[in-house]
N, C-alpha and C. Protein backbone atom coordinates (compact mmCIF):
# COMPACT_ATOMS: atom_id res chain seq x y z
N UNK A 1 -13.93 -12.32 -7.58
CA UNK A 1 -12.72 -11.99 -6.83
C UNK A 1 -13.11 -11.55 -5.42
N UNK A 2 -12.69 -12.30 -4.43
CA UNK A 2 -12.98 -11.96 -3.04
C UNK A 2 -11.90 -10.99 -2.54
N UNK A 3 -12.19 -9.70 -2.67
CA UNK A 3 -11.16 -8.71 -2.39
C UNK A 3 -10.74 -8.73 -0.92
N UNK A 4 -11.65 -9.07 -0.02
CA UNK A 4 -11.27 -9.11 1.39
C UNK A 4 -10.31 -10.26 1.67
N UNK A 5 -10.52 -11.39 1.03
CA UNK A 5 -9.60 -12.51 1.21
C UNK A 5 -8.22 -12.18 0.65
N UNK A 6 -8.19 -11.53 -0.51
CA UNK A 6 -6.91 -11.13 -1.08
C UNK A 6 -6.19 -10.15 -0.17
N UNK A 7 -6.95 -9.21 0.38
CA UNK A 7 -6.35 -8.22 1.27
C UNK A 7 -5.78 -8.88 2.52
N UNK A 8 -6.50 -9.84 3.09
CA UNK A 8 -5.99 -10.55 4.28
C UNK A 8 -4.67 -11.23 3.97
N UNK A 9 -4.57 -11.85 2.81
CA UNK A 9 -3.33 -12.53 2.45
C UNK A 9 -2.19 -11.55 2.23
N UNK A 10 -2.50 -10.40 1.63
CA UNK A 10 -1.46 -9.38 1.46
C UNK A 10 -0.99 -8.86 2.81
N UNK A 11 -1.92 -8.62 3.73
CA UNK A 11 -1.55 -8.16 5.06
C UNK A 11 -0.69 -9.20 5.79
N UNK A 12 -1.05 -10.47 5.64
CA UNK A 12 -0.28 -11.52 6.31
C UNK A 12 1.15 -11.56 5.79
N UNK A 13 1.30 -11.49 4.48
CA UNK A 13 2.64 -11.52 3.89
C UNK A 13 3.46 -10.31 4.29
N UNK A 14 2.85 -9.14 4.25
CA UNK A 14 3.56 -7.94 4.63
C UNK A 14 3.89 -7.95 6.12
N UNK A 15 2.99 -8.49 6.93
CA UNK A 15 3.26 -8.60 8.36
C UNK A 15 4.48 -9.45 8.65
N UNK A 16 4.65 -10.54 7.89
CA UNK A 16 5.83 -11.40 8.09
C UNK A 16 7.11 -10.65 7.74
N UNK A 17 7.04 -9.79 6.74
CA UNK A 17 8.23 -9.01 6.37
C UNK A 17 8.52 -7.95 7.42
N UNK A 18 7.48 -7.22 7.84
CA UNK A 18 7.67 -6.16 8.83
C UNK A 18 8.22 -6.73 10.13
N UNK A 19 7.84 -7.96 10.47
CA UNK A 19 8.32 -8.58 11.71
C UNK A 19 9.83 -8.77 11.70
N UNK A 20 10.46 -8.70 10.54
CA UNK A 20 11.91 -8.86 10.45
C UNK A 20 12.67 -7.54 10.59
N UNK A 21 11.93 -6.44 10.73
CA UNK A 21 12.57 -5.13 10.86
C UNK A 21 13.06 -4.94 12.29
N UNK A 22 14.30 -4.50 12.45
CA UNK A 22 14.81 -4.15 13.78
C UNK A 22 15.13 -2.67 13.81
N UNK A 23 15.39 -2.16 15.01
CA UNK A 23 15.58 -0.72 15.20
C UNK A 23 16.73 -0.17 14.38
N UNK A 24 17.76 -0.97 14.16
CA UNK A 24 18.94 -0.51 13.42
C UNK A 24 18.58 -0.16 11.98
N UNK A 25 17.57 -0.83 11.44
CA UNK A 25 17.23 -0.65 10.03
C UNK A 25 16.20 0.44 9.78
N UNK A 26 15.70 1.07 10.81
CA UNK A 26 14.61 2.03 10.62
C UNK A 26 15.03 3.26 9.83
N UNK A 27 16.32 3.55 9.77
CA UNK A 27 16.80 4.69 8.99
C UNK A 27 17.15 4.31 7.56
N UNK A 28 16.95 3.05 7.20
CA UNK A 28 17.30 2.58 5.85
C UNK A 28 16.44 3.26 4.79
N UNK A 29 17.02 3.53 3.62
CA UNK A 29 16.21 4.06 2.51
C UNK A 29 15.25 3.01 1.98
N UNK A 30 14.21 3.44 1.33
CA UNK A 30 13.22 2.54 0.75
C UNK A 30 12.99 2.90 -0.71
N UNK A 31 12.31 2.04 -1.47
CA UNK A 31 11.98 2.39 -2.85
C UNK A 31 11.06 3.60 -2.97
N UNK A 32 10.40 4.00 -1.88
CA UNK A 32 9.59 5.22 -1.85
C UNK A 32 10.54 6.34 -1.45
N UNK A 33 11.03 7.09 -2.43
CA UNK A 33 12.16 7.98 -2.22
C UNK A 33 11.94 9.00 -1.12
N UNK A 34 10.69 9.37 -0.87
CA UNK A 34 10.43 10.41 0.13
C UNK A 34 10.44 9.88 1.56
N UNK A 35 10.53 8.56 1.73
CA UNK A 35 10.45 7.98 3.07
C UNK A 35 11.62 7.04 3.36
N UNK A 36 12.21 7.18 4.56
CA UNK A 36 13.06 6.10 5.04
C UNK A 36 12.14 5.02 5.63
N UNK A 37 12.71 3.95 6.18
CA UNK A 37 11.88 2.83 6.59
C UNK A 37 10.96 3.21 7.74
N UNK A 38 11.46 4.00 8.68
CA UNK A 38 10.60 4.42 9.79
C UNK A 38 9.38 5.18 9.25
N UNK A 39 9.63 6.13 8.36
CA UNK A 39 8.53 6.94 7.82
C UNK A 39 7.56 6.08 7.01
N UNK A 40 8.09 5.12 6.27
CA UNK A 40 7.22 4.24 5.50
C UNK A 40 6.31 3.43 6.42
N UNK A 41 6.87 2.88 7.50
CA UNK A 41 6.06 2.09 8.42
C UNK A 41 5.01 2.96 9.12
N UNK A 42 5.37 4.19 9.47
CA UNK A 42 4.39 5.11 10.06
C UNK A 42 3.26 5.38 9.06
N UNK A 43 3.63 5.63 7.82
CA UNK A 43 2.64 5.81 6.75
C UNK A 43 1.72 4.60 6.63
N UNK A 44 2.29 3.42 6.63
CA UNK A 44 1.51 2.20 6.49
C UNK A 44 0.58 2.00 7.68
N UNK A 45 1.09 2.24 8.89
CA UNK A 45 0.26 2.09 10.08
C UNK A 45 -0.86 3.12 10.10
N UNK A 46 -0.52 4.36 9.77
CA UNK A 46 -1.54 5.41 9.75
C UNK A 46 -2.63 5.13 8.74
N UNK A 47 -2.24 4.69 7.56
CA UNK A 47 -3.25 4.40 6.54
C UNK A 47 -4.10 3.20 6.93
N UNK A 48 -3.49 2.19 7.56
CA UNK A 48 -4.29 1.08 8.08
C UNK A 48 -5.36 1.58 9.04
N UNK A 49 -4.94 2.44 9.97
CA UNK A 49 -5.90 2.97 10.94
C UNK A 49 -6.96 3.82 10.25
N UNK A 50 -6.55 4.56 9.23
CA UNK A 50 -7.52 5.36 8.49
C UNK A 50 -8.53 4.50 7.76
N UNK A 51 -8.07 3.45 7.10
CA UNK A 51 -8.99 2.54 6.42
C UNK A 51 -9.92 1.85 7.42
N UNK A 52 -9.38 1.48 8.58
CA UNK A 52 -10.21 0.83 9.60
C UNK A 52 -11.33 1.75 10.06
N UNK A 53 -11.00 3.01 10.30
CA UNK A 53 -12.03 3.97 10.71
C UNK A 53 -13.02 4.22 9.59
N UNK A 54 -12.55 4.27 8.36
CA UNK A 54 -13.44 4.47 7.23
C UNK A 54 -14.42 3.31 7.11
N UNK A 55 -13.93 2.08 7.32
CA UNK A 55 -14.80 0.91 7.23
C UNK A 55 -15.87 0.92 8.31
N UNK A 56 -15.59 1.59 9.41
CA UNK A 56 -16.57 1.71 10.50
C UNK A 56 -17.49 2.89 10.31
N UNK A 57 -17.32 3.61 9.19
CA UNK A 57 -18.23 4.70 8.88
C UNK A 57 -17.77 6.07 9.33
N UNK A 58 -16.52 6.19 9.79
CA UNK A 58 -16.03 7.49 10.27
C UNK A 58 -15.49 8.32 9.12
N UNK A 59 -15.59 9.64 9.22
CA UNK A 59 -14.97 10.50 8.19
C UNK A 59 -13.45 10.45 8.28
N UNK A 60 -12.81 10.85 7.20
CA UNK A 60 -11.35 10.83 7.16
C UNK A 60 -10.77 11.95 8.01
N UNK A 61 -9.81 11.61 8.86
CA UNK A 61 -9.12 12.59 9.68
C UNK A 61 -7.64 12.57 9.33
N UNK A 62 -7.11 13.71 8.97
CA UNK A 62 -5.74 13.78 8.48
C UNK A 62 -4.74 13.19 9.47
N UNK A 63 -4.88 13.53 10.76
CA UNK A 63 -3.90 13.07 11.75
C UNK A 63 -3.86 11.56 11.85
N UNK A 64 -5.01 10.91 11.70
CA UNK A 64 -5.07 9.45 11.76
C UNK A 64 -4.36 8.86 10.55
N UNK A 65 -4.72 9.32 9.37
CA UNK A 65 -4.13 8.78 8.15
C UNK A 65 -2.64 9.07 8.07
N UNK A 66 -2.23 10.19 8.63
CA UNK A 66 -0.81 10.56 8.59
C UNK A 66 0.02 9.72 9.55
N UNK A 67 -0.62 9.14 10.55
CA UNK A 67 0.11 8.31 11.51
C UNK A 67 0.75 9.10 12.62
N UNK A 68 0.14 10.23 12.97
CA UNK A 68 0.71 11.06 14.04
C UNK A 68 0.90 10.24 15.32
N UNK A 69 2.07 10.37 15.93
CA UNK A 69 2.35 9.71 17.20
C UNK A 69 2.76 8.26 17.11
N UNK A 70 2.95 7.73 15.89
CA UNK A 70 3.26 6.30 15.74
C UNK A 70 4.74 6.03 15.46
N UNK A 71 5.57 7.07 15.50
CA UNK A 71 6.96 6.88 15.08
C UNK A 71 7.87 6.34 16.18
N UNK A 72 7.37 6.23 17.41
CA UNK A 72 8.21 5.71 18.49
C UNK A 72 8.56 4.25 18.30
N UNK A 73 7.56 3.43 17.98
CA UNK A 73 7.77 2.01 17.70
C UNK A 73 6.92 1.67 16.48
N UNK A 74 7.38 2.04 15.29
CA UNK A 74 6.56 1.87 14.10
C UNK A 74 6.29 0.42 13.74
N UNK A 75 7.16 -0.50 14.14
CA UNK A 75 6.91 -1.92 13.85
C UNK A 75 5.69 -2.40 14.63
N UNK A 76 5.68 -2.12 15.93
CA UNK A 76 4.52 -2.51 16.74
C UNK A 76 3.26 -1.78 16.28
N UNK A 77 3.41 -0.49 15.94
CA UNK A 77 2.26 0.28 15.48
C UNK A 77 1.70 -0.33 14.20
N UNK A 78 2.60 -0.76 13.30
CA UNK A 78 2.12 -1.38 12.07
C UNK A 78 1.36 -2.67 12.36
N UNK A 79 1.94 -3.55 13.17
CA UNK A 79 1.30 -4.84 13.42
C UNK A 79 -0.06 -4.66 14.08
N UNK A 80 -0.16 -3.74 15.02
CA UNK A 80 -1.46 -3.47 15.66
C UNK A 80 -2.46 -2.91 14.66
N UNK A 81 -2.00 -2.03 13.79
CA UNK A 81 -2.90 -1.43 12.80
C UNK A 81 -3.38 -2.46 11.79
N UNK A 82 -2.52 -3.41 11.45
CA UNK A 82 -2.91 -4.45 10.50
C UNK A 82 -4.03 -5.32 11.07
N UNK A 83 -3.92 -5.66 12.35
CA UNK A 83 -5.00 -6.41 12.99
C UNK A 83 -6.29 -5.60 13.00
N UNK A 84 -6.14 -4.30 13.24
CA UNK A 84 -7.32 -3.43 13.33
C UNK A 84 -8.04 -3.34 11.98
N UNK A 85 -7.28 -3.14 10.90
CA UNK A 85 -7.94 -2.97 9.61
C UNK A 85 -8.50 -4.30 9.10
N UNK A 86 -7.82 -5.41 9.39
CA UNK A 86 -8.36 -6.70 8.98
C UNK A 86 -9.70 -6.96 9.65
N UNK A 87 -9.80 -6.66 10.94
CA UNK A 87 -11.07 -6.84 11.65
C UNK A 87 -12.13 -5.91 11.11
N UNK A 88 -11.75 -4.67 10.79
CA UNK A 88 -12.73 -3.70 10.29
C UNK A 88 -13.28 -4.12 8.94
N UNK A 89 -12.43 -4.62 8.06
CA UNK A 89 -12.89 -5.05 6.74
C UNK A 89 -13.75 -6.30 6.82
N UNK A 90 -13.55 -7.10 7.86
CA UNK A 90 -14.31 -8.35 8.01
C UNK A 90 -15.70 -8.13 8.62
N UNK A 91 -15.99 -6.94 9.08
CA UNK A 91 -17.25 -6.68 9.77
C UNK A 91 -18.45 -6.90 8.86
N UNK A 92 -19.52 -7.36 9.43
CA UNK A 92 -20.75 -7.57 8.67
C UNK A 92 -21.21 -6.25 8.04
N UNK A 93 -21.62 -6.33 6.79
CA UNK A 93 -22.19 -5.18 6.11
C UNK A 93 -21.20 -4.19 5.55
N UNK A 94 -19.90 -4.42 5.74
CA UNK A 94 -18.94 -3.41 5.29
C UNK A 94 -18.96 -3.24 3.78
N UNK A 95 -19.23 -4.31 3.05
CA UNK A 95 -19.21 -4.20 1.59
C UNK A 95 -20.39 -3.40 1.04
N UNK A 96 -21.36 -3.11 1.89
CA UNK A 96 -22.49 -2.29 1.48
C UNK A 96 -22.24 -0.80 1.72
N UNK A 97 -21.10 -0.46 2.28
CA UNK A 97 -20.81 0.92 2.65
C UNK A 97 -19.92 1.60 1.61
N UNK A 98 -19.83 2.92 1.75
CA UNK A 98 -18.84 3.70 1.02
C UNK A 98 -17.80 4.17 2.03
N UNK A 99 -16.52 4.15 1.63
CA UNK A 99 -15.43 4.47 2.54
C UNK A 99 -14.76 5.77 2.11
N UNK A 100 -14.52 6.65 3.09
CA UNK A 100 -13.84 7.91 2.84
C UNK A 100 -12.33 7.69 2.94
N UNK A 101 -11.63 7.81 1.81
CA UNK A 101 -10.18 7.61 1.76
C UNK A 101 -9.52 8.98 1.71
N UNK A 102 -8.79 9.32 2.75
CA UNK A 102 -8.26 10.67 2.88
C UNK A 102 -7.41 11.07 1.67
N UNK A 103 -7.73 12.25 1.12
CA UNK A 103 -6.97 12.79 0.01
C UNK A 103 -7.43 12.31 -1.35
N UNK A 104 -8.35 11.33 -1.39
CA UNK A 104 -8.75 10.75 -2.67
C UNK A 104 -10.26 10.78 -2.91
N UNK A 105 -11.05 10.78 -1.87
CA UNK A 105 -12.48 10.81 -2.04
C UNK A 105 -13.17 9.63 -1.37
N UNK A 106 -14.42 9.43 -1.74
CA UNK A 106 -15.24 8.36 -1.17
C UNK A 106 -15.51 7.32 -2.24
N UNK A 107 -15.35 6.05 -1.86
CA UNK A 107 -15.45 4.96 -2.82
C UNK A 107 -16.31 3.83 -2.27
N UNK A 108 -16.94 3.05 -3.16
CA UNK A 108 -17.59 1.82 -2.69
C UNK A 108 -16.56 0.97 -1.96
N UNK A 109 -17.00 0.26 -0.94
CA UNK A 109 -16.07 -0.50 -0.10
C UNK A 109 -15.20 -1.45 -0.92
N UNK A 110 -15.76 -2.11 -1.91
CA UNK A 110 -14.99 -3.06 -2.70
C UNK A 110 -13.81 -2.37 -3.39
N UNK A 111 -14.07 -1.16 -3.90
CA UNK A 111 -13.00 -0.40 -4.55
C UNK A 111 -11.96 0.05 -3.54
N UNK A 112 -12.42 0.57 -2.39
CA UNK A 112 -11.48 1.05 -1.37
C UNK A 112 -10.62 -0.07 -0.83
N UNK A 113 -11.22 -1.24 -0.60
CA UNK A 113 -10.44 -2.38 -0.10
C UNK A 113 -9.45 -2.82 -1.18
N UNK A 114 -9.83 -2.72 -2.43
CA UNK A 114 -8.91 -3.02 -3.52
C UNK A 114 -7.71 -2.08 -3.52
N UNK A 115 -7.95 -0.80 -3.24
CA UNK A 115 -6.86 0.16 -3.12
C UNK A 115 -5.91 -0.25 -2.00
N UNK A 116 -6.50 -0.63 -0.88
CA UNK A 116 -5.69 -1.05 0.27
C UNK A 116 -4.89 -2.31 -0.07
N UNK A 117 -5.54 -3.26 -0.70
CA UNK A 117 -4.87 -4.52 -1.08
C UNK A 117 -3.63 -4.25 -1.93
N UNK A 118 -3.78 -3.44 -2.96
CA UNK A 118 -2.66 -3.16 -3.85
C UNK A 118 -1.55 -2.43 -3.09
N UNK A 119 -1.94 -1.44 -2.30
CA UNK A 119 -0.95 -0.64 -1.57
C UNK A 119 -0.12 -1.49 -0.62
N UNK A 120 -0.78 -2.40 0.09
CA UNK A 120 -0.06 -3.15 1.12
C UNK A 120 0.69 -4.35 0.55
N UNK A 121 0.24 -4.89 -0.56
CA UNK A 121 1.05 -5.91 -1.22
C UNK A 121 2.36 -5.29 -1.70
N UNK A 122 2.26 -4.13 -2.34
CA UNK A 122 3.45 -3.48 -2.89
C UNK A 122 4.34 -2.94 -1.78
N UNK A 123 3.75 -2.40 -0.72
CA UNK A 123 4.58 -1.90 0.38
C UNK A 123 5.31 -3.04 1.09
N UNK A 124 4.76 -4.24 1.09
CA UNK A 124 5.51 -5.37 1.61
C UNK A 124 6.81 -5.54 0.85
N UNK A 125 6.73 -5.41 -0.47
CA UNK A 125 7.93 -5.48 -1.30
C UNK A 125 8.88 -4.34 -0.97
N UNK A 126 8.34 -3.14 -0.76
CA UNK A 126 9.18 -1.99 -0.42
C UNK A 126 9.97 -2.25 0.87
N UNK A 127 9.28 -2.78 1.88
CA UNK A 127 9.95 -3.05 3.15
C UNK A 127 11.00 -4.14 2.97
N UNK A 128 10.65 -5.18 2.21
CA UNK A 128 11.61 -6.26 1.95
C UNK A 128 12.87 -5.73 1.28
N UNK A 129 12.69 -4.85 0.29
CA UNK A 129 13.85 -4.26 -0.39
C UNK A 129 14.70 -3.45 0.59
N UNK A 130 14.04 -2.73 1.49
CA UNK A 130 14.75 -1.87 2.43
C UNK A 130 15.63 -2.66 3.40
N UNK A 131 15.18 -3.88 3.76
CA UNK A 131 15.94 -4.66 4.74
C UNK A 131 16.69 -5.83 4.11
N UNK A 132 16.58 -5.99 2.80
CA UNK A 132 17.37 -6.99 2.10
C UNK A 132 16.90 -8.41 2.27
N UNK A 133 15.57 -8.62 2.32
CA UNK A 133 15.04 -9.98 2.39
C UNK A 133 14.15 -10.24 1.18
N UNK A 134 13.89 -11.51 0.93
CA UNK A 134 13.01 -11.86 -0.18
C UNK A 134 11.56 -11.58 0.19
N UNK A 135 10.80 -10.91 -0.67
CA UNK A 135 9.41 -10.60 -0.35
C UNK A 135 8.47 -11.78 -0.51
N UNK A 136 8.84 -12.75 -1.36
CA UNK A 136 8.00 -13.94 -1.59
C UNK A 136 6.55 -13.54 -1.90
N UNK A 137 6.38 -12.67 -2.87
CA UNK A 137 5.04 -12.24 -3.26
C UNK A 137 4.28 -13.40 -3.88
N UNK A 138 3.06 -13.63 -3.43
CA UNK A 138 2.25 -14.72 -3.96
C UNK A 138 1.84 -14.43 -5.40
N UNK A 139 2.10 -15.33 -6.34
CA UNK A 139 1.73 -15.08 -7.73
C UNK A 139 0.25 -14.78 -7.91
N UNK A 140 -0.62 -15.45 -7.17
CA UNK A 140 -2.06 -15.21 -7.32
C UNK A 140 -2.42 -13.77 -6.94
N UNK A 141 -1.76 -13.25 -5.92
CA UNK A 141 -2.03 -11.87 -5.51
C UNK A 141 -1.51 -10.89 -6.56
N UNK A 142 -0.33 -11.15 -7.10
CA UNK A 142 0.22 -10.28 -8.14
C UNK A 142 -0.66 -10.29 -9.38
N UNK A 143 -1.17 -11.46 -9.73
CA UNK A 143 -2.06 -11.56 -10.87
C UNK A 143 -3.35 -10.78 -10.62
N UNK A 144 -3.84 -10.81 -9.40
CA UNK A 144 -5.06 -10.06 -9.07
C UNK A 144 -4.83 -8.57 -9.24
N UNK A 145 -3.66 -8.08 -8.86
CA UNK A 145 -3.35 -6.66 -9.06
C UNK A 145 -3.41 -6.31 -10.54
N UNK A 146 -2.81 -7.15 -11.37
CA UNK A 146 -2.82 -6.88 -12.81
C UNK A 146 -4.24 -6.91 -13.38
N UNK A 147 -5.06 -7.79 -12.88
CA UNK A 147 -6.45 -7.85 -13.36
C UNK A 147 -7.22 -6.61 -12.94
N UNK A 148 -7.01 -6.15 -11.72
CA UNK A 148 -7.65 -4.91 -11.28
C UNK A 148 -7.15 -3.74 -12.11
N UNK A 149 -5.84 -3.68 -12.30
CA UNK A 149 -5.25 -2.57 -13.04
C UNK A 149 -5.62 -2.56 -14.51
N UNK A 150 -6.03 -3.69 -15.06
CA UNK A 150 -6.44 -3.73 -16.46
C UNK A 150 -7.65 -2.85 -16.72
N UNK A 151 -8.40 -2.55 -15.67
CA UNK A 151 -9.57 -1.69 -15.82
C UNK A 151 -9.28 -0.21 -15.65
N UNK A 152 -8.04 0.14 -15.34
CA UNK A 152 -7.68 1.55 -15.16
C UNK A 152 -7.48 2.23 -16.52
N UNK A 153 -7.74 3.53 -16.62
CA UNK A 153 -7.49 4.24 -17.90
C UNK A 153 -6.01 4.18 -18.25
N UNK A 154 -5.71 3.70 -19.42
CA UNK A 154 -4.31 3.50 -19.81
C UNK A 154 -3.58 4.84 -19.94
N UNK A 155 -2.41 4.90 -19.33
CA UNK A 155 -1.57 6.08 -19.43
C UNK A 155 -2.09 7.29 -18.67
N UNK A 156 -3.07 7.11 -17.83
CA UNK A 156 -3.66 8.25 -17.13
C UNK A 156 -2.65 8.94 -16.22
N UNK A 157 -2.46 10.26 -16.36
CA UNK A 157 -1.54 10.97 -15.46
C UNK A 157 -2.08 11.05 -14.04
N UNK A 158 -3.36 10.70 -13.85
CA UNK A 158 -3.91 10.65 -12.50
C UNK A 158 -3.48 9.39 -11.76
N UNK A 159 -2.92 8.41 -12.49
CA UNK A 159 -2.51 7.13 -11.90
C UNK A 159 -1.01 6.95 -11.93
N UNK A 160 -0.38 7.33 -13.06
CA UNK A 160 1.06 7.12 -13.22
C UNK A 160 1.76 8.45 -13.49
N UNK A 161 2.95 8.62 -12.93
CA UNK A 161 3.76 9.78 -13.24
C UNK A 161 3.91 10.73 -12.06
N UNK A 162 4.56 11.86 -12.28
CA UNK A 162 4.82 12.81 -11.19
C UNK A 162 3.54 13.23 -10.48
N UNK A 163 3.55 13.13 -9.16
CA UNK A 163 2.40 13.54 -8.37
C UNK A 163 1.25 12.56 -8.36
N UNK A 164 1.38 11.44 -9.08
CA UNK A 164 0.31 10.44 -9.17
C UNK A 164 0.59 9.31 -8.17
N UNK A 165 -0.36 8.40 -8.00
CA UNK A 165 -0.14 7.31 -7.06
C UNK A 165 1.07 6.45 -7.38
N UNK A 166 1.37 6.23 -8.68
CA UNK A 166 2.45 5.33 -9.05
C UNK A 166 3.40 5.99 -10.02
N UNK A 167 4.66 5.54 -10.00
CA UNK A 167 5.60 5.99 -11.01
C UNK A 167 5.22 5.42 -12.37
N UNK A 168 5.83 5.97 -13.42
CA UNK A 168 5.58 5.45 -14.76
C UNK A 168 5.90 3.96 -14.82
N UNK A 169 5.10 3.17 -15.55
CA UNK A 169 5.40 1.74 -15.66
C UNK A 169 6.83 1.49 -16.15
N UNK A 170 7.43 0.45 -15.60
CA UNK A 170 8.78 0.04 -15.97
C UNK A 170 8.67 -1.12 -16.95
N UNK A 171 9.31 -1.05 -18.11
CA UNK A 171 9.20 -2.16 -19.07
C UNK A 171 9.70 -3.47 -18.48
N UNK A 172 8.92 -4.52 -18.69
CA UNK A 172 9.25 -5.86 -18.20
C UNK A 172 8.91 -6.85 -19.30
N UNK A 173 9.72 -7.89 -19.44
CA UNK A 173 9.46 -8.92 -20.45
C UNK A 173 8.07 -9.53 -20.25
N UNK A 174 7.41 -9.85 -21.33
CA UNK A 174 6.09 -10.49 -21.25
C UNK A 174 6.14 -11.84 -20.57
N UNK A 175 7.30 -12.52 -20.66
CA UNK A 175 7.41 -13.84 -20.05
C UNK A 175 8.06 -13.78 -18.66
N UNK A 176 8.20 -12.58 -18.11
CA UNK A 176 8.78 -12.44 -16.77
C UNK A 176 7.80 -12.98 -15.73
N UNK A 177 8.30 -13.37 -14.56
CA UNK A 177 7.39 -13.81 -13.49
C UNK A 177 6.33 -12.74 -13.20
N UNK A 178 5.16 -13.20 -12.79
CA UNK A 178 4.05 -12.28 -12.60
C UNK A 178 4.36 -11.20 -11.56
N UNK A 179 5.17 -11.52 -10.55
CA UNK A 179 5.54 -10.50 -9.56
C UNK A 179 6.31 -9.37 -10.21
N UNK A 180 7.24 -9.69 -11.11
CA UNK A 180 8.01 -8.65 -11.79
C UNK A 180 7.11 -7.82 -12.70
N UNK A 181 6.16 -8.48 -13.37
CA UNK A 181 5.24 -7.74 -14.24
C UNK A 181 4.34 -6.82 -13.42
N UNK A 182 3.90 -7.29 -12.26
CA UNK A 182 3.08 -6.46 -11.40
C UNK A 182 3.86 -5.25 -10.90
N UNK A 183 5.10 -5.48 -10.45
CA UNK A 183 5.91 -4.38 -9.96
C UNK A 183 6.18 -3.37 -11.07
N UNK A 184 6.50 -3.85 -12.25
CA UNK A 184 6.73 -2.94 -13.37
C UNK A 184 5.50 -2.13 -13.72
N UNK A 185 4.34 -2.74 -13.66
CA UNK A 185 3.08 -2.06 -13.93
C UNK A 185 2.88 -0.90 -12.96
N UNK A 186 3.35 -1.07 -11.72
CA UNK A 186 3.18 -0.05 -10.69
C UNK A 186 4.43 0.83 -10.53
N UNK A 187 5.29 0.83 -11.53
CA UNK A 187 6.42 1.75 -11.53
C UNK A 187 7.59 1.32 -10.68
N UNK A 188 7.64 0.03 -10.34
CA UNK A 188 8.75 -0.48 -9.53
C UNK A 188 9.56 -1.48 -10.36
N UNK A 189 10.80 -1.65 -9.99
CA UNK A 189 11.68 -2.53 -10.74
C UNK A 189 12.65 -3.23 -9.81
N UNK A 190 13.09 -4.42 -10.23
CA UNK A 190 14.14 -5.12 -9.49
C UNK A 190 15.46 -4.37 -9.59
N UNK A 191 15.56 -3.44 -10.55
CA UNK A 191 16.77 -2.64 -10.72
C UNK A 191 16.57 -1.30 -10.05
N UNK A 192 17.32 -0.98 -8.98
CA UNK A 192 17.13 0.28 -8.28
C UNK A 192 17.24 1.50 -9.17
N UNK A 193 18.04 1.44 -10.22
CA UNK A 193 18.20 2.60 -11.09
C UNK A 193 16.94 2.93 -11.86
N UNK A 194 16.02 1.95 -11.98
CA UNK A 194 14.77 2.19 -12.70
C UNK A 194 13.65 2.65 -11.78
N UNK A 195 13.93 2.71 -10.49
CA UNK A 195 12.87 2.90 -9.50
C UNK A 195 12.35 4.33 -9.49
N UNK A 196 11.03 4.49 -9.62
CA UNK A 196 10.41 5.79 -9.46
C UNK A 196 9.67 5.90 -8.15
N UNK A 197 9.23 4.78 -7.60
CA UNK A 197 8.44 4.81 -6.36
C UNK A 197 7.03 5.23 -6.64
N UNK A 198 6.34 5.65 -5.57
CA UNK A 198 4.95 6.05 -5.69
C UNK A 198 4.04 5.02 -5.07
N UNK A 199 2.88 5.47 -4.63
CA UNK A 199 1.90 4.54 -4.08
C UNK A 199 0.56 5.23 -3.97
N UNK A 200 -0.46 4.45 -3.66
CA UNK A 200 -1.82 5.01 -3.61
C UNK A 200 -1.91 6.22 -2.70
N UNK A 201 -1.13 6.23 -1.63
CA UNK A 201 -1.29 7.28 -0.63
C UNK A 201 -0.21 8.35 -0.74
N UNK A 202 0.43 8.47 -1.89
CA UNK A 202 1.44 9.52 -2.05
C UNK A 202 0.81 10.86 -1.67
N UNK A 203 1.51 11.62 -0.83
CA UNK A 203 1.07 12.96 -0.53
C UNK A 203 0.21 13.08 0.71
N UNK A 204 -0.30 11.97 1.24
CA UNK A 204 -1.16 12.08 2.41
C UNK A 204 -0.38 12.67 3.56
N UNK A 205 -0.81 13.84 4.02
CA UNK A 205 -0.20 14.48 5.16
C UNK A 205 0.98 15.38 4.83
N UNK A 206 1.36 15.50 3.52
CA UNK A 206 2.48 16.39 3.22
C UNK A 206 2.02 17.65 2.50
N UNK A 207 0.70 17.83 2.40
CA UNK A 207 0.18 19.03 1.79
C UNK A 207 -0.06 18.92 0.31
N UNK A 208 0.30 17.80 -0.33
CA UNK A 208 0.15 17.66 -1.77
C UNK A 208 -1.02 16.77 -2.16
N UNK A 209 -1.81 16.33 -1.19
CA UNK A 209 -2.88 15.39 -1.49
C UNK A 209 -3.94 16.03 -2.40
N UNK A 210 -4.55 15.18 -3.21
CA UNK A 210 -5.57 15.62 -4.14
C UNK A 210 -6.92 15.64 -3.42
N UNK A 211 -7.81 16.48 -3.92
CA UNK A 211 -9.17 16.52 -3.35
C UNK A 211 -9.98 15.37 -3.91
């Protein structure tokens, strides 16, 4: 599994969705209950910048990961940050490094890039839901998320549930499209009433982050 290639494709898809956001929609609610669309985009841009700095060997800085100063034009900030993190992950030797992910610890680059891949694929869906467009999630990318997640400890409260990266899994038919199964696995649903929200970076910058 070429995690960098998967991440590039997730960034490209999410970038196409973010490009459809206009200023009028920045106050729209999102599936991440704690954030409206502006706050979600700031979070996404900040985390992109944080991952980019981590890939270059820098320690985690809260203000960078939090996205301080990016709320004026969060769409432009997101697109610039996506280019930055894609270039950082593509750098020679990056897969031999360990990356400091703010609030979570230090991980081998392959694992950290996998975290980023999952987060940004799912956040593309979050943005699409917020503005009412089709996310067009690539089945191969959704399947990759499920394969990565198959290695996670089942039912772990460190992964799913209150205060964890993802909401509790949402039941989905076994024969449902892979995108729906992936979203359900990560606590998201096509039905808003089932939505718990959550993501890898829950709590970054709000004082609730884990050590």
